[in-house]
Amino acid sequence: MLRSEIPRPTLVDLLELVALIAVKDPRRHGRAAARWVQRWLEREPDATVDDIAYVAVSLQALGGRRHGDALAALRDIAASR
């Protein structure tokens, strides 16, 4: 479905999808977030373990009471490339 609507989704596009999944279908959130991290790491080969931990904690916060803050931080990270 996504591929037909956005032929080449950006990392930001994919993040928006992960954020939506976190809110609408929390059971799928963990897997979607893990796939997003994998794509992010492919584009950020110099990421440190601290960077990865920050991204993971931010992804985990999606769907919770800090959703907006986490999404804003992740958007900055995704758009930095």
PDB file of N, CA and C in Angstrom:
ATOM      1  N   MET A   1       0.817  -1.183   0.000  1.00  0.00           N
ATOM      2  CA  MET A   1       0.000   0.000   0.000  1.00  0.00           C
ATOM      3  C   MET A   1       0.865   1.252   0.000  1.00  0.00           C
ATOM      4  N   LEU A   2       1.801   1.376   0.928  1.00  0.00           N
ATOM      5  CA  LEU A   2       2.651   2.551   1.001  1.00  0.00           C
ATOM      6  C   LEU A   2       3.458   2.708  -0.272  1.00  0.00           C
ATOM      7  N   ARG A   3       3.978   1.624  -0.820  1.00  0.00           N
ATOM      8  CA  ARG A   3       4.808   1.705  -2.019  1.00  0.00           C
ATOM      9  C   ARG A   3       4.052   2.260  -3.207  1.00  0.00           C
ATOM     10  N   SER A   4       2.766   1.966  -3.308  1.00  0.00           N
ATOM     11  CA  SER A   4       1.988   2.490  -4.426  1.00  0.00           C
ATOM     12  C   SER A   4       1.713   3.984  -4.273  1.00  0.00           C
ATOM     13  N   GLU A   5       1.654   4.465  -3.040  1.00  0.00           N
ATOM     14  CA  GLU A   5       1.378   5.871  -2.793  1.00  0.00           C
ATOM     15  C   GLU A   5       2.639   6.723  -2.771  1.00  0.00           C
ATOM     16  N   ILE A   6       3.723   6.174  -2.249  1.00  0.00           N
ATOM     17  CA  ILE A   6       5.001   6.884  -2.167  1.00  0.00           C
ATOM     18  C   ILE A   6       6.064   5.938  -2.717  1.00  0.00           C
ATOM     19  N   PRO A   7       6.400   6.070  -3.998  1.00  0.00           N
ATOM     20  CA  PRO A   7       7.318   5.108  -4.612  1.00  0.00           C
ATOM     21  C   PRO A   7       8.655   4.949  -3.871  1.00  0.00           C
ATOM     22  N   ARG A   8       9.225   6.010  -3.397  1.00  0.00           N
ATOM     23  CA  ARG A   8      10.488   5.959  -2.658  1.00  0.00           C
ATOM     24  C   ARG A   8      10.334   6.752  -1.371  1.00  0.00           C
ATOM     25  N   PRO A   9       9.795   6.116  -0.345  1.00  0.00           N
ATOM     26  CA  PRO A   9       9.584   6.860   0.903  1.00  0.00           C
ATOM     27  C   PRO A   9      10.913   7.276   1.532  1.00  0.00           C
ATOM     28  N   THR A  10      10.911   8.467   2.070  1.00  0.00           N
ATOM     29  CA  THR A  10      12.091   8.946   2.774  1.00  0.00           C
ATOM     30  C   THR A  10      12.088   8.386   4.186  1.00  0.00           C
ATOM     31  N   LEU A  11      13.180   8.586   4.872  1.00  0.00           N
ATOM     32  CA  LEU A  11      13.264   8.163   6.261  1.00  0.00           C
ATOM     33  C   LEU A  11      12.221   8.902   7.108  1.00  0.00           C
ATOM     34  N   VAL A  12      11.959  10.153   6.773  1.00  0.00           N
ATOM     35  CA  VAL A  12      10.938  10.928   7.481  1.00  0.00           C
ATOM     36  C   VAL A  12       9.550  10.348   7.195  1.00  0.00           C
ATOM     37  N   ASP A  13       9.285   9.996   5.935  1.00  0.00           N
ATOM     38  CA  ASP A  13       7.998   9.372   5.595  1.00  0.00           C
ATOM     39  C   ASP A  13       7.793   8.095   6.400  1.00  0.00           C
ATOM     40  N   LEU A  14       8.821   7.282   6.472  1.00  0.00           N
ATOM     41  CA  LEU A  14       8.726   6.020   7.198  1.00  0.00           C
ATOM     42  C   LEU A  14       8.554   6.251   8.697  1.00  0.00           C
ATOM     43  N   LEU A  15       9.193   7.288   9.207  1.00  0.00           N
ATOM     44  CA  LEU A  15       9.022   7.647  10.618  1.00  0.00           C
ATOM     45  C   LEU A  15       7.579   8.021  10.906  1.00  0.00           C
ATOM     46  N   GLU A  16       6.971   8.784  10.021  1.00  0.00           N
ATOM     47  CA  GLU A  16       5.571   9.168  10.213  1.00  0.00           C
ATOM     48  C   GLU A  16       4.679   7.926  10.266  1.00  0.00           C
ATOM     49  N   LEU A  17       4.999   6.940   9.452  1.00  0.00           N
ATOM     50  CA  LEU A  17       4.241   5.695   9.479  1.00  0.00           C
ATOM     51  C   LEU A  17       4.432   4.965  10.812  1.00  0.00           C
ATOM     52  N   VAL A  18       5.669   4.917  11.298  1.00  0.00           N
ATOM     53  CA  VAL A  18       5.942   4.281  12.592  1.00  0.00           C
ATOM     54  C   VAL A  18       5.177   5.006  13.704  1.00  0.00           C
ATOM     55  N   ALA A  19       5.161   6.319  13.646  1.00  0.00           N
ATOM     56  CA  ALA A  19       4.440   7.100  14.669  1.00  0.00           C
ATOM     57  C   ALA A  19       2.941   6.804  14.622  1.00  0.00           C
ATOM     58  N   LEU A  20       2.388   6.687  13.425  1.00  0.00           N
ATOM     59  CA  LEU A  20       0.979   6.359  13.285  1.00  0.00           C
ATOM     60  C   LEU A  20       0.679   4.958  13.818  1.00  0.00           C
ATOM     61  N   ILE A  21       1.546   4.014  13.508  1.00  0.00           N
ATOM     62  CA  ILE A  21       1.381   2.652  14.009  1.00  0.00           C
ATOM     63  C   ILE A  21       1.431   2.649  15.538  1.00  0.00           C
ATOM     64  N   ALA A  22       2.323   3.438  16.115  1.00  0.00           N
ATOM     65  CA  ALA A  22       2.445   3.490  17.582  1.00  0.00           C
ATOM     66  C   ALA A  22       1.139   3.914  18.230  1.00  0.00           C
ATOM     67  N   VAL A  23       0.426   4.805  17.574  1.00  0.00           N
ATOM     68  CA  VAL A  23      -0.830   5.309  18.125  1.00  0.00           C
ATOM     69  C   VAL A  23      -1.992   4.362  17.819  1.00  0.00           C
ATOM     70  N   LYS A  24      -2.051   3.881  16.592  1.00  0.00           N
ATOM     71  CA  LYS A  24      -3.219   3.123  16.137  1.00  0.00           C
ATOM     72  C   LYS A  24      -3.136   1.617  16.366  1.00  0.00           C
ATOM     73  N   ASP A  25      -1.919   1.065  16.361  1.00  0.00           N
ATOM     74  CA  ASP A  25      -1.763  -0.391  16.487  1.00  0.00           C
ATOM     75  C   ASP A  25      -0.496  -0.706  17.290  1.00  0.00           C
ATOM     76  N   PRO A  26      -0.522  -0.429  18.596  1.00  0.00           N
ATOM     77  CA  PRO A  26       0.681  -0.575  19.422  1.00  0.00           C
ATOM     78  C   PRO A  26       1.348  -1.956  19.354  1.00  0.00           C
ATOM     79  N   ARG A  27       0.581  -2.992  19.062  1.00  0.00           N
ATOM     80  CA  ARG A  27       1.187  -4.336  18.982  1.00  0.00           C
ATOM     81  C   ARG A  27       2.180  -4.443  17.827  1.00  0.00           C
ATOM     82  N   ARG A  28       1.999  -3.673  16.782  1.00  0.00           N
ATOM     83  CA  ARG A  28       2.912  -3.699  15.630  1.00  0.00           C
ATOM     84  C   ARG A  28       4.052  -2.689  15.767  1.00  0.00           C
ATOM     85  N   HIS A  29       3.952  -1.825  16.750  1.00  0.00           N
ATOM     86  CA  HIS A  29       4.911  -0.724  16.874  1.00  0.00           C
ATOM     87  C   HIS A  29       6.362  -1.190  17.013  1.00  0.00           C
ATOM     88  N   GLY A  30       6.601  -2.175  17.851  1.00  0.00           N
ATOM     89  CA  GLY A  30       7.976  -2.628  18.090  1.00  0.00           C
ATOM     90  C   GLY A  30       8.677  -3.092  16.826  1.00  0.00           C
ATOM     91  N   ARG A  31       7.996  -3.866  16.036  1.00  0.00           N
ATOM     92  CA  ARG A  31       8.600  -4.357  14.784  1.00  0.00           C
ATOM     93  C   ARG A  31       8.800  -3.234  13.786  1.00  0.00           C
ATOM     94  N   ALA A  32       7.818  -2.352  13.678  1.00  0.00           N
ATOM     95  CA  ALA A  32       7.945  -1.221  12.758  1.00  0.00           C
ATOM     96  C   ALA A  32       9.104  -0.320  13.173  1.00  0.00           C
ATOM     97  N   ALA A  33       9.234  -0.084  14.469  1.00  0.00           N
ATOM     98  CA  ALA A  33      10.329   0.750  14.973  1.00  0.00           C
ATOM     99  C   ALA A  33      11.679   0.095  14.706  1.00  0.00           C
ATOM    100  N   ALA A  34      11.763  -1.211  14.880  1.00  0.00           N
ATOM    101  CA  ALA A  34      13.025  -1.921  14.624  1.00  0.00           C
ATOM    102  C   ALA A  34      13.420  -1.812  13.156  1.00  0.00           C
ATOM    103  N   ARG A  35      12.453  -1.917  12.266  1.00  0.00           N
ATOM    104  CA  ARG A  35      12.762  -1.765  10.829  1.00  0.00           C
ATOM    105  C   ARG A  35      13.234  -0.347  10.526  1.00  0.00           C
ATOM    106  N   TRP A  36      12.630   0.630  11.201  1.00  0.00           N
ATOM    107  CA  TRP A  36      13.043   2.011  10.976  1.00  0.00           C
ATOM    108  C   TRP A  36      14.487   2.227  11.446  1.00  0.00           C
ATOM    109  N   VAL A  37      14.827   1.673  12.600  1.00  0.00           N
ATOM    110  CA  VAL A  37      16.194   1.787  13.107  1.00  0.00           C
ATOM    111  C   VAL A  37      17.174   1.176  12.110  1.00  0.00           C
ATOM    112  N   GLN A  38      16.810   0.046  11.557  1.00  0.00           N
ATOM    113  CA  GLN A  38      17.683  -0.610  10.573  1.00  0.00           C
ATOM    114  C   GLN A  38      17.927   0.309   9.374  1.00  0.00           C
ATOM    115  N   ARG A  39      16.886   0.916   8.854  1.00  0.00           N
ATOM    116  CA  ARG A  39      17.057   1.843   7.725  1.00  0.00           C
ATOM    117  C   ARG A  39      17.887   3.058   8.124  1.00  0.00           C
ATOM    118  N   TRP A  40      17.626   3.569   9.320  1.00  0.00           N
ATOM    119  CA  TRP A  40      18.391   4.730   9.789  1.00  0.00           C
ATOM    120  C   TRP A  40      19.869   4.385   9.893  1.00  0.00           C
ATOM    121  N   LEU A  41      20.187   3.211  10.435  1.00  0.00           N
ATOM    122  CA  LEU A  41      21.584   2.794  10.568  1.00  0.00           C
ATOM    123  C   LEU A  41      22.258   2.622   9.213  1.00  0.00           C
ATOM    124  N   GLU A  42      21.521   2.180   8.212  1.00  0.00           N
ATOM    125  CA  GLU A  42      22.087   2.065   6.863  1.00  0.00           C
ATOM    126  C   GLU A  42      22.499   3.429   6.332  1.00  0.00           C
ATOM    127  N   ARG A  43      21.801   4.463   6.736  1.00  0.00           N
ATOM    128  CA  ARG A  43      22.088   5.828   6.273  1.00  0.00           C
ATOM    129  C   ARG A  43      23.015   6.586   7.216  1.00  0.00           C
ATOM    130  N   GLU A  44      23.244   6.041   8.393  1.00  0.00           N
ATOM    131  CA  GLU A  44      24.111   6.675   9.395  1.00  0.00           C
ATOM    132  C   GLU A  44      25.188   5.688   9.839  1.00  0.00           C
ATOM    133  N   PRO A  45      26.122   5.372   8.971  1.00  0.00           N
ATOM    134  CA  PRO A  45      27.118   4.348   9.315  1.00  0.00           C
ATOM    135  C   PRO A  45      28.036   4.741  10.479  1.00  0.00           C
ATOM    136  N   ASP A  46      28.095   6.012  10.807  1.00  0.00           N
ATOM    137  CA  ASP A  46      28.953   6.465  11.896  1.00  0.00           C
ATOM    138  C   ASP A  46      28.203   6.617  13.223  1.00  0.00           C
ATOM    139  N   ALA A  47      26.987   6.105  13.295  1.00  0.00           N
ATOM    140  CA  ALA A  47      26.193   6.214  14.524  1.00  0.00           C
ATOM    141  C   ALA A  47      26.896   5.494  15.665  1.00  0.00           C
ATOM    142  N   THR A  48      26.854   6.114  16.817  1.00  0.00           N
ATOM    143  CA  THR A  48      27.454   5.522  18.011  1.00  0.00           C
ATOM    144  C   THR A  48      26.392   4.773  18.802  1.00  0.00           C
ATOM    145  N   VAL A  49      26.828   4.039  19.794  1.00  0.00           N
ATOM    146  CA  VAL A  49      25.868   3.338  20.641  1.00  0.00           C
ATOM    147  C   VAL A  49      24.988   4.347  21.391  1.00  0.00           C
ATOM    148  N   ASP A  50      25.527   5.490  21.727  1.00  0.00           N
ATOM    149  CA  ASP A  50      24.721   6.530  22.373  1.00  0.00           C
ATOM    150  C   ASP A  50      23.645   7.059  21.422  1.00  0.00           C
ATOM    151  N   ASP A  51      24.002   7.244  20.147  1.00  0.00           N
ATOM    152  CA  ASP A  51      23.021   7.669  19.147  1.00  0.00           C
ATOM    153  C   ASP A  51      21.905   6.637  19.030  1.00  0.00           C
ATOM    154  N   ILE A  52      22.291   5.384  18.962  1.00  0.00           N
ATOM    155  CA  ILE A  52      21.323   4.305  18.817  1.00  0.00           C
ATOM    156  C   ILE A  52      20.406   4.245  20.041  1.00  0.00           C
ATOM    157  N   ALA A  53      20.969   4.397  21.212  1.00  0.00           N
ATOM    158  CA  ALA A  53      20.165   4.372  22.438  1.00  0.00           C
ATOM    159  C   ALA A  53      19.162   5.522  22.451  1.00  0.00           C
ATOM    160  N   TYR A  54      19.585   6.703  22.040  1.00  0.00           N
ATOM    161  CA  TYR A  54      18.691   7.863  21.998  1.00  0.00           C
ATOM    162  C   TYR A  54      17.538   7.627  21.027  1.00  0.00           C
ATOM    163  N   VAL A  55      17.865   7.100  19.851  1.00  0.00           N
ATOM    164  CA  VAL A  55      16.841   6.799  18.855  1.00  0.00           C
ATOM    165  C   VAL A  55      15.882   5.743  19.397  1.00  0.00           C
ATOM    166  N   ALA A  56      16.413   4.707  20.018  1.00  0.00           N
ATOM    167  CA  ALA A  56      15.569   3.624  20.543  1.00  0.00           C
ATOM    168  C   ALA A  56      14.621   4.138  21.622  1.00  0.00           C
ATOM    169  N   VAL A  57      15.124   4.948  22.527  1.00  0.00           N
ATOM    170  CA  VAL A  57      14.273   5.491  23.599  1.00  0.00           C
ATOM    171  C   VAL A  57      13.206   6.412  23.004  1.00  0.00           C
ATOM    172  N   SER A  58      13.578   7.193  22.016  1.00  0.00           N
ATOM    173  CA  SER A  58      12.606   8.089  21.375  1.00  0.00           C
ATOM    174  C   SER A  58      11.524   7.289  20.655  1.00  0.00           C
ATOM    175  N   LEU A  59      11.927   6.234  19.947  1.00  0.00           N
ATOM    176  CA  LEU A  59      10.946   5.383  19.273  1.00  0.00           C
ATOM    177  C   LEU A  59      10.020   4.713  20.279  1.00  0.00           C
ATOM    178  N   GLN A  60      10.571   4.313  21.401  1.00  0.00           N
ATOM    179  CA  GLN A  60       9.775   3.665  22.437  1.00  0.00           C
ATOM    180  C   GLN A  60       8.738   4.629  23.016  1.00  0.00           C
ATOM    181  N   ALA A  61       9.062   5.913  23.038  1.00  0.00           N
ATOM    182  CA  ALA A  61       8.146   6.911  23.599  1.00  0.00           C
ATOM    183  C   ALA A  61       6.968   7.226  22.673  1.00  0.00           C
ATOM    184  N   LEU A  62       7.074   6.861  21.413  1.00  0.00           N
ATOM    185  CA  LEU A  62       5.969   7.111  20.493  1.00  0.00           C
ATOM    186  C   LEU A  62       4.724   6.366  20.973  1.00  0.00           C
ATOM    187  N   GLY A  63       3.604   7.036  20.881  1.00  0.00           N
ATOM    188  CA  GLY A  63       2.358   6.434  21.328  1.00  0.00           C
ATOM    189  C   GLY A  63       2.049   6.701  22.788  1.00  0.00           C
ATOM    190  N   GLY A  64       3.021   7.241  23.510  1.00  0.00           N
ATOM    191  CA  GLY A  64       2.836   7.545  24.926  1.00  0.00           C
ATOM    192  C   GLY A  64       2.603   9.021  25.153  1.00  0.00           C
ATOM    193  N   ARG A  65       2.707   9.425  26.405  1.00  0.00           N
ATOM    194  CA  ARG A  65       2.418  10.831  26.729  1.00  0.00           C
ATOM    195  C   ARG A  65       3.481  11.801  26.219  1.00  0.00           C
ATOM    196  N   ARG A  66       4.666  11.302  25.876  1.00  0.00           N
ATOM    197  CA  ARG A  66       5.728  12.158  25.308  1.00  0.00           C
ATOM    198  C   ARG A  66       5.846  11.979  23.793  1.00  0.00           C
ATOM    199  N   HIS A  67       4.772  11.507  23.177  1.00  0.00           N
ATOM    200  CA  HIS A  67       4.758  11.215  21.744  1.00  0.00           C
ATOM    201  C   HIS A  67       5.254  12.404  20.915  1.00  0.00           C
ATOM    202  N   GLY A  68       4.695  13.564  21.161  1.00  0.00           N
ATOM    203  CA  GLY A  68       5.047  14.753  20.374  1.00  0.00           C
ATOM    204  C   GLY A  68       6.514  15.117  20.480  1.00  0.00           C
ATOM    205  N   ASP A  69       7.049  15.084  21.681  1.00  0.00           N
ATOM    206  CA  ASP A  69       8.467  15.405  21.881  1.00  0.00           C
ATOM    207  C   ASP A  69       9.357  14.379  21.193  1.00  0.00           C
ATOM    208  N   ALA A  70       9.001  13.107  21.347  1.00  0.00           N
ATOM    209  CA  ALA A  70       9.799  12.039  20.734  1.00  0.00           C
ATOM    210  C   ALA A  70       9.754  12.138  19.220  1.00  0.00           C
ATOM    211  N   LEU A  71       8.576  12.394  18.677  1.00  0.00           N
ATOM    212  CA  LEU A  71       8.448  12.500  17.230  1.00  0.00           C
ATOM    213  C   LEU A  71       9.236  13.685  16.690  1.00  0.00           C
ATOM    214  N   ALA A  72       9.199  14.794  17.389  1.00  0.00           N
ATOM    215  CA  ALA A  72       9.973  15.974  16.953  1.00  0.00           C
ATOM    216  C   ALA A  72      11.470  15.663  16.940  1.00  0.00           C
ATOM    217  N   ALA A  73      11.959  14.998  17.970  1.00  0.00           N
ATOM    218  CA  ALA A  73      13.379  14.638  18.029  1.00  0.00           C
ATOM    219  C   ALA A  73      13.745  13.686  16.892  1.00  0.00           C
ATOM    220  N   LEU A  74      12.893  12.714  16.657  1.00  0.00           N
ATOM    221  CA  LEU A  74      13.165  11.743  15.592  1.00  0.00           C
ATOM    222  C   LEU A  74      13.076  12.377  14.204  1.00  0.00           C
ATOM    223  N   ARG A  75      12.170  13.321  14.039  1.00  0.00           N
ATOM    224  CA  ARG A  75      12.103  14.036  12.753  1.00  0.00           C
ATOM    225  C   ARG A  75      13.403  14.774  12.482  1.00  0.00           C
ATOM    226  N   ASP A  76      13.955  15.422  13.511  1.00  0.00           N
ATOM    227  CA  ASP A  76      15.243  16.109  13.360  1.00  0.00           C
ATOM    228  C   ASP A  76      16.342  15.128  12.966  1.00  0.00           C
ATOM    229  N   ILE A  77      16.352  13.984  13.606  1.00  0.00           N
ATOM    230  CA  ILE A  77      17.365  12.968  13.313  1.00  0.00           C
ATOM    231  C   ILE A  77      17.200  12.455  11.890  1.00  0.00           C
ATOM    232  N   ALA A  78      15.975  12.155  11.504  1.00  0.00           N
ATOM    233  CA  ALA A  78      15.715  11.595  10.175  1.00  0.00           C
ATOM    234  C   ALA A  78      16.013  12.593   9.069  1.00  0.00           C
ATOM    235  N   ALA A  79      15.767  13.852   9.323  1.00  0.00           N
ATOM    236  CA  ALA A  79      15.957  14.890   8.302  1.00  0.00           C
ATOM    237  C   ALA A  79      17.404  15.367   8.208  1.00  0.00           C
ATOM    238  N   SER A  80      18.243  14.953   9.126  1.00  0.00           N
ATOM    239  CA  SER A  80      19.613  15.482   9.175  1.00  0.00           C
ATOM    240  C   SER A  80      20.490  14.992   8.029  1.00  0.00           C
ATOM    241  N   ARG A  81      20.065  13.985   7.315  1.00  0.00           N
ATOM    242  CA  ARG A  81      20.854  13.487   6.178  1.00  0.00           C
ATOM    243  C   ARG A  81      20.477  14.164   4.910  1.00  0.00           C
TER     244      ARG A  81
END
